[in-house]
Amino acid sequence: MRAPPPDPKKDRPKRTAVLGATGLVGRTMLRLLADRPWVDQPPVALASSRSAGLELPFRDGSITCRAVGPDSFAGIGIALFSAGGQASRAWGPVAAEAGAWVVDNSSAWRMTDGVPLVVPEINGRLVDGGAGGGIIANPNCSTIQIAMAVAPLMARFGVAEVHVTTLQSVSGAGQRGVAELERQAAGDGAASVFPRTIAANAIPAIGPGLEDGSFEEEAKVVRELRKILGRASLPVTCTATRVPVVTGHAAALRVVCQRPVDLEDAAAALRGWPGVELADGPHGYATPREIAGRTVCHVGRLRADGVDPRAVLLWVVADNLLKGAAWNAVQIADLVAGARGA
């Protein structure tokens, strides 16, 4: 008996959607989706009612932004969210219930039991992508690049401690953060997005202050790094700073391994890790300006710390809008699409 011919409507992959499509990360997601072969239809662009009707570029044409609502996710297979925690908590379960796999860029679900927190080069095996839908969390932008530098060392030497200082760009605070830096650089010193003037300055405070003396961004790095690496009690410290750079986060790391580190072995581990680019020699490095627009995490200044033979020092930079957000999310979407045979 011959099999019936395929039903084009039934077998066609479900559409994608982007919630928060008008923001910096949302626009970047759309640009990246335009290059994905499994995206055979223009994504559904979703945002608040204020942005409904706005035209956004996609491939050789444009798509019209819609206000998100209860029926927005009917027929959606993969939904990329970058609209903030409140929107993610409101619409993530709705989208998942409708059968979509939600790749969420907010902090809303990162530490929720049963929700994988994914950096594809490290723990992409956690992505299911099967029928029924669900939520997959995209980590914090600074945590992703830190994890990308630590994971190769953990695989080669084991890791006992991680100590981090971040230098984070204003685009991590969205379009408002970029606009505030531009205003202040032009002479308007009023601060509203950041707690102090950011132009020609550095601010060691990102997010609300916490009772233990840290700020929320620092707590995110600690708890998210532990979850990504699968080490719930890993000693991690972080000081997070905001600097007057438009795009690209940097981080200075001290990684204490579980056994003495041979620098040539460490370099080989980093150089062989997918998505990591290593500078030549201990004096080589990249800057946020040089890494902007690239999807890799660049590691430089790899050297012994001179105190503990198990410890190494590193300088890590990445484009926070790409690997720190949109690119990592689209990589997760690639895994979901692959699991679905799209």
Protein backbone atom coordinates (compact mmCIF):
# COMPACT_ATOMS: atom_id res chain seq x y z
CA MET A 1 0.00 0.00 0.00
CA ARG A 2 1.46 3.34 -1.04
CA ALA A 3 1.90 6.03 1.61
CA PRO A 4 -0.30 9.09 1.14
CA PRO A 5 1.44 12.14 -0.33
CA PRO A 6 2.72 14.63 2.26
CA ASP A 7 0.38 17.39 3.30
CA PRO A 8 2.31 20.64 2.65
CA LYS A 9 0.36 22.52 5.31
CA LYS A 10 0.78 19.80 7.91
CA ASP A 11 4.47 19.12 7.28
CA ARG A 12 5.54 22.73 6.91
CA PRO A 13 7.54 23.92 9.95
CA LYS A 14 5.64 26.17 12.31
CA ARG A 15 6.40 29.88 12.25
CA THR A 16 8.76 31.73 14.52
CA ALA A 17 7.92 34.76 16.62
CA VAL A 18 9.97 37.46 18.34
CA LEU A 19 8.50 39.17 21.40
CA GLY A 20 10.23 42.48 22.02
CA ALA A 21 10.99 42.79 18.32
CA THR A 22 11.48 46.57 18.42
CA GLY A 23 14.28 46.55 21.04
CA LEU A 24 18.02 46.34 20.42
CA VAL A 25 18.16 42.59 21.04
CA GLY A 26 14.85 41.90 19.30
CA ARG A 27 15.98 43.66 16.12
CA THR A 28 19.23 41.71 16.26
CA MET A 29 17.27 38.47 16.62
CA LEU A 30 15.28 39.29 13.48
CA ARG A 31 18.47 40.04 11.56
CA LEU A 32 19.96 36.69 12.59
CA LEU A 33 16.78 34.75 11.85
CA ALA A 34 16.87 36.13 8.31
CA ASP A 35 19.94 33.95 7.68
CA ARG A 36 18.52 30.73 9.14
CA PRO A 37 17.53 28.20 6.44
CA TRP A 38 14.83 26.70 8.65
CA VAL A 39 12.98 30.04 8.86
CA ASP A 40 10.90 29.68 5.71
CA GLN A 41 8.31 32.32 6.63
CA PRO A 42 8.77 35.83 8.05
CA PRO A 43 8.63 35.74 11.85
CA VAL A 44 5.70 37.20 13.74
CA ALA A 45 7.01 40.43 15.29
CA LEU A 46 5.40 41.07 18.67
CA ALA A 47 5.69 43.98 21.09
CA SER A 48 3.56 46.17 23.34
CA SER A 49 0.55 48.00 21.96
CA ARG A 50 2.67 51.17 21.70
CA SER A 51 4.74 49.57 18.92
CA ALA A 52 1.88 47.93 17.01
CA GLY A 53 2.01 48.88 13.34
CA LEU A 54 5.74 49.64 13.30
CA GLU A 55 7.48 48.26 10.22
CA LEU A 56 10.67 46.27 10.83
CA PRO A 57 13.11 45.09 8.14
CA PHE A 58 13.33 41.39 7.37
CA ARG A 59 15.27 39.95 4.45
CA ASP A 60 14.33 41.94 1.35
CA GLY A 61 11.11 43.30 2.78
CA SER A 62 9.51 44.27 6.05
CA ILE A 63 7.16 42.87 8.67
CA THR A 64 4.55 44.72 10.66
CA CYS A 65 4.79 44.60 14.42
CA ARG A 66 1.73 43.31 16.28
CA ALA A 67 0.59 43.86 19.84
CA VAL A 68 1.09 40.68 21.85
CA GLY A 69 -2.10 39.02 23.04
CA PRO A 70 -3.60 35.68 24.13
CA ASP A 71 -3.81 34.37 20.56
CA SER A 72 -0.41 35.57 19.37
CA PHE A 73 1.27 32.17 19.64
CA ALA A 74 -1.20 30.00 17.75
CA GLY A 75 0.79 28.14 15.09
CA ILE A 76 4.14 29.29 16.48
CA GLY A 77 6.87 26.66 16.85
CA ILE A 78 9.71 28.75 18.27
CA ALA A 79 9.30 32.09 20.06
CA LEU A 80 12.29 34.24 20.97
CA PHE A 81 11.53 36.56 23.90
CA SER A 82 13.45 39.74 24.73
CA ALA A 83 10.87 42.03 26.28
CA GLY A 84 11.86 41.96 29.95
CA GLY A 85 10.96 39.78 32.88
CA GLN A 86 7.40 41.01 33.36
CA ALA A 87 6.43 40.23 29.77
CA SER A 88 8.22 36.87 29.91
CA ARG A 89 6.38 35.82 33.05
CA ALA A 90 3.07 36.88 31.52
CA TRP A 91 3.46 35.39 28.04
CA GLY A 92 6.00 32.57 28.40
CA PRO A 93 3.50 30.07 29.83
CA VAL A 94 0.89 31.18 27.27
CA ALA A 95 3.27 30.51 24.39
CA ALA A 96 4.42 27.19 25.83
CA GLU A 97 0.84 26.08 26.40
CA ALA A 98 0.13 26.87 22.74
CA GLY A 99 2.91 24.45 21.76
CA ALA A 100 5.80 26.87 21.20
CA TRP A 101 9.33 26.49 22.48
CA VAL A 102 10.14 29.79 24.17
CA VAL A 103 13.77 30.92 24.22
CA ASP A 104 13.63 33.62 26.87
CA ASN A 105 16.30 36.31 27.18
CA SER A 106 15.04 37.75 30.48
CA SER A 107 15.92 36.67 34.01
CA ALA A 108 12.36 35.46 34.66
CA TRP A 109 12.95 31.71 34.29
CA ARG A 110 16.72 31.26 34.55
CA MET A 111 16.76 29.79 38.03
CA THR A 112 13.44 27.95 37.80
CA ASP A 113 13.72 24.22 38.44
CA GLY A 114 13.12 22.26 35.26
CA VAL A 115 13.94 25.19 32.96
CA PRO A 116 17.32 24.63 31.26
CA LEU A 117 19.76 27.55 31.26
CA VAL A 118 21.66 27.03 28.05
CA VAL A 119 24.90 28.05 26.40
CA PRO A 120 24.85 25.67 23.40
CA GLU A 121 28.63 25.09 23.30
CA ILE A 122 28.54 24.03 26.97
CA ASN A 123 25.23 22.33 27.73
CA GLY A 124 23.27 22.28 24.48
CA ARG A 125 22.39 18.65 25.25
CA LEU A 126 19.72 20.03 27.60
CA VAL A 127 17.66 21.35 24.68
CA ASP A 128 14.80 18.96 24.00
CA GLY A 129 12.79 20.60 21.24
CA GLY A 130 10.24 17.81 21.16
CA ALA A 131 6.51 18.16 20.75
CA GLY A 132 4.54 20.08 23.33
CA GLY A 133 6.58 23.22 23.80
CA GLY A 134 8.28 24.63 26.86
CA ILE A 135 10.64 27.34 28.10
CA ILE A 136 14.43 27.49 27.67
CA ALA A 137 16.30 30.30 29.42
CA ASN A 138 19.03 32.37 27.79
CA PRO A 139 21.64 33.34 30.41
CA ASN A 140 22.68 36.83 31.44
CA CYS A 141 24.90 38.52 28.84
CA SER A 142 27.99 38.73 31.02
CA THR A 143 27.54 35.22 32.41
CA ILE A 144 27.60 33.68 28.94
CA GLN A 145 31.06 34.93 28.05
CA ILE A 146 32.43 34.06 31.49
CA ALA A 147 31.07 30.52 31.17
CA MET A 148 32.56 30.21 27.69
CA ALA A 149 36.02 30.93 29.12
CA VAL A 150 35.67 28.78 32.23
CA ALA A 151 34.12 25.67 30.64
CA PRO A 152 37.22 24.64 28.63
CA LEU A 153 39.41 24.99 31.72
CA MET A 154 36.92 22.99 33.79
CA ALA A 155 36.92 20.22 31.19
CA ARG A 156 40.74 20.06 31.16
CA PHE A 157 41.76 20.78 34.76
CA GLY A 158 38.62 20.93 36.88
CA VAL A 159 37.66 24.24 38.47
CA ALA A 160 37.73 25.08 42.19
CA GLU A 161 36.95 28.85 42.19
CA VAL A 162 36.04 31.66 39.80
CA HIS A 163 36.60 35.36 40.53
CA VAL A 164 35.31 37.97 38.09
CA THR A 165 35.26 41.70 37.47
CA THR A 166 33.06 42.75 34.56
CA LEU A 167 33.20 45.93 32.47
CA GLN A 168 29.79 46.12 30.83
CA SER A 169 28.63 48.35 28.00
CA VAL A 170 25.63 50.66 28.10
CA SER A 171 23.74 48.68 25.45
CA GLY A 172 23.26 46.06 28.16
CA ALA A 173 20.64 48.49 29.48
CA GLY A 174 18.94 48.68 26.08
CA GLN A 175 18.27 51.61 23.81
CA ARG A 176 17.70 53.91 26.79
CA GLY A 177 21.19 53.20 28.06
CA VAL A 178 22.77 54.02 24.72
CA ALA A 179 20.72 57.21 24.45
CA GLU A 180 21.75 58.31 27.94
CA LEU A 181 25.45 57.93 27.15
CA GLU A 182 24.97 59.90 23.93
CA ARG A 183 23.14 62.69 25.76
CA GLN A 184 25.75 62.93 28.49
CA ALA A 185 28.61 62.88 25.98
CA ALA A 186 26.91 65.84 24.29
CA GLY A 187 26.82 67.77 27.58
CA ASP A 188 23.55 66.71 29.26
CA GLY A 189 24.80 65.20 32.51
CA ALA A 190 21.42 64.16 33.92
CA ALA A 191 21.33 60.47 34.94
CA SER A 192 18.11 58.46 34.81
CA VAL A 193 18.99 55.02 33.41
CA PHE A 194 22.23 54.63 35.39
CA PRO A 195 22.74 55.58 39.07
CA ARG A 196 25.52 58.07 38.24
CA THR A 197 26.75 59.87 35.13
CA ILE A 198 28.15 57.19 32.79
CA ALA A 199 29.96 59.42 30.28
CA ALA A 200 33.72 59.43 31.01
CA ASN A 201 33.04 57.37 34.12
CA ALA A 202 32.83 53.82 35.54
CA ILE A 203 30.04 52.72 37.85
CA PRO A 204 30.41 49.65 40.13
CA ALA A 205 26.67 49.10 40.44
CA ILE A 206 24.34 47.25 38.07
CA GLY A 207 20.83 46.44 39.20
CA PRO A 208 19.26 46.83 42.64
CA GLY A 209 21.41 46.65 45.74
CA LEU A 210 21.10 43.47 47.81
CA GLU A 211 21.35 42.92 51.56
CA ASP A 212 24.76 41.25 51.38
CA GLY A 213 26.34 44.36 49.82
CA SER A 214 26.29 43.06 46.25
CA PHE A 215 24.17 44.25 43.34
CA GLU A 216 21.75 42.09 41.38
CA GLU A 217 23.99 41.73 38.32
CA GLU A 218 26.70 40.24 40.50
CA ALA A 219 24.27 37.77 42.03
CA LYS A 220 23.11 36.76 38.54
CA VAL A 221 26.66 35.89 37.51
CA VAL A 222 27.21 33.80 40.64
CA ARG A 223 24.04 31.74 40.51
CA GLU A 224 23.82 31.41 36.71
CA LEU A 225 27.43 30.33 36.28
CA ARG A 226 26.88 27.60 38.86
CA LYS A 227 23.78 26.36 37.04
CA ILE A 228 25.35 26.41 33.55
CA LEU A 229 28.43 24.51 34.74
CA GLY A 230 26.38 22.11 36.86
CA ARG A 231 28.26 23.06 40.05
CA ALA A 232 25.72 24.26 42.60
CA SER A 233 28.30 25.04 45.29
CA LEU A 234 31.13 26.40 43.10
CA PRO A 235 32.79 29.37 44.85
CA VAL A 236 32.21 32.39 42.59
CA THR A 237 32.75 36.09 43.29
CA CYS A 238 31.85 38.98 41.01
CA THR A 239 32.16 42.76 40.89
CA ALA A 240 30.08 44.14 38.01
CA THR A 241 30.82 47.58 36.58
CA ARG A 242 29.22 49.72 33.89
CA VAL A 243 31.59 51.57 31.55
CA PRO A 244 31.01 54.16 28.77
CA VAL A 245 31.25 51.67 25.90
CA VAL A 246 28.31 51.33 23.50
CA THR A 247 28.61 47.62 22.62
CA GLY A 248 30.73 44.80 24.00
CA HIS A 249 31.22 43.49 27.51
CA ALA A 250 34.63 42.67 28.97
CA ALA A 251 35.56 40.60 32.01
CA ALA A 252 38.76 40.01 33.93
CA LEU A 253 38.82 36.48 35.37
CA ARG A 254 40.88 34.61 37.92
CA VAL A 255 40.13 30.91 37.62
CA VAL A 256 41.50 28.55 40.25
CA CYS A 257 41.60 25.01 38.93
CA GLN A 258 41.62 21.74 40.82
CA ARG A 259 45.18 20.91 39.83
CA PRO A 260 48.22 22.85 38.58
CA VAL A 261 47.71 24.44 35.19
CA ASP A 262 50.12 24.10 32.30
CA LEU A 263 49.60 27.23 30.19
CA GLU A 264 50.15 25.43 26.90
CA ASP A 265 47.48 22.89 27.85
CA ALA A 266 45.16 25.70 28.94
CA ALA A 267 45.68 27.49 25.64
CA ALA A 268 44.97 24.30 23.72
CA ALA A 269 41.77 23.73 25.70
CA LEU A 270 40.55 27.26 24.99
CA ARG A 271 41.62 27.23 21.36
CA GLY A 272 39.80 23.96 20.73
CA TRP A 273 36.51 25.04 22.31
CA PRO A 274 33.71 25.92 19.85
CA GLY A 275 32.91 29.63 19.86
CA VAL A 276 36.12 30.67 21.64
CA GLU A 277 38.92 32.60 19.97
CA LEU A 278 42.26 32.85 21.79
CA ALA A 279 44.81 35.62 21.38
CA ASP A 280 48.44 34.77 20.74
CA GLY A 281 50.66 35.03 23.80
CA PRO A 282 50.10 36.51 27.27
CA HIS A 283 50.10 40.08 25.94
CA GLY A 284 47.49 39.49 23.22
CA TYR A 285 43.93 40.69 23.71
CA ALA A 286 40.87 42.12 21.97
CA THR A 287 38.74 45.10 23.01
CA PRO A 288 34.99 45.59 22.93
CA ARG A 289 35.34 47.87 19.89
CA GLU A 290 37.19 45.15 18.00
CA ILE A 291 34.79 42.36 18.93
CA ALA A 292 31.56 44.28 18.17
CA GLY A 293 29.58 42.56 15.45
CA ARG A 294 31.26 39.18 15.97
CA THR A 295 29.69 36.07 17.50
CA VAL A 296 32.79 34.63 19.20
CA CYS A 297 34.03 35.04 22.76
CA HIS A 298 37.59 36.31 22.58
CA VAL A 299 40.00 35.29 25.35
CA GLY A 300 43.30 37.09 25.87
CA ARG A 301 45.94 37.88 28.51
CA LEU A 302 46.09 34.19 29.46
CA ARG A 303 48.79 33.88 32.11
CA ALA A 304 49.67 32.35 35.46
CA ASP A 305 48.68 34.47 38.44
CA GLY A 306 52.06 34.09 40.14
CA VAL A 307 50.57 33.08 43.49
CA ASP A 308 48.83 29.74 43.07
CA PRO A 309 50.06 27.22 40.46
CA ARG A 310 46.45 26.14 39.98
CA ALA A 311 45.28 29.65 39.01
CA VAL A 312 45.21 31.49 35.69
CA LEU A 313 44.19 35.01 34.73
CA LEU A 314 42.20 35.84 31.60
CA TRP A 315 40.61 38.76 29.77
CA VAL A 316 37.34 37.93 27.96
CA VAL A 317 35.35 40.12 25.56
CA ALA A 318 32.15 39.47 23.61
CA ASP A 319 29.44 41.40 21.82
CA ASN A 320 26.68 41.52 24.44
CA LEU A 321 23.96 41.93 21.81
CA LEU A 322 25.17 38.86 19.91
CA LYS A 323 26.76 36.04 21.92
CA GLY A 324 25.54 37.74 25.07
CA ALA A 325 21.92 37.73 23.91
CA ALA A 326 20.54 37.35 20.38
CA TRP A 327 23.14 34.98 18.90
CA ASN A 328 23.04 32.62 21.88
CA ALA A 329 19.22 32.60 21.66
CA VAL A 330 19.27 31.85 17.93
CA GLN A 331 21.81 29.07 18.54
CA ILE A 332 19.32 27.56 20.99
CA ALA A 333 16.58 27.97 18.38
CA ASP A 334 18.81 26.12 15.90
CA LEU A 335 18.93 23.19 18.31
CA VAL A 336 15.16 23.23 18.75
CA ALA A 337 14.63 23.42 14.99
CA GLY A 338 17.07 20.56 14.48
CA ALA A 339 15.27 18.41 17.03
CA ARG A 340 12.02 19.10 15.20
CA GLY A 341 13.53 18.26 11.83
CA ALA A 342 12.92 21.74 10.48
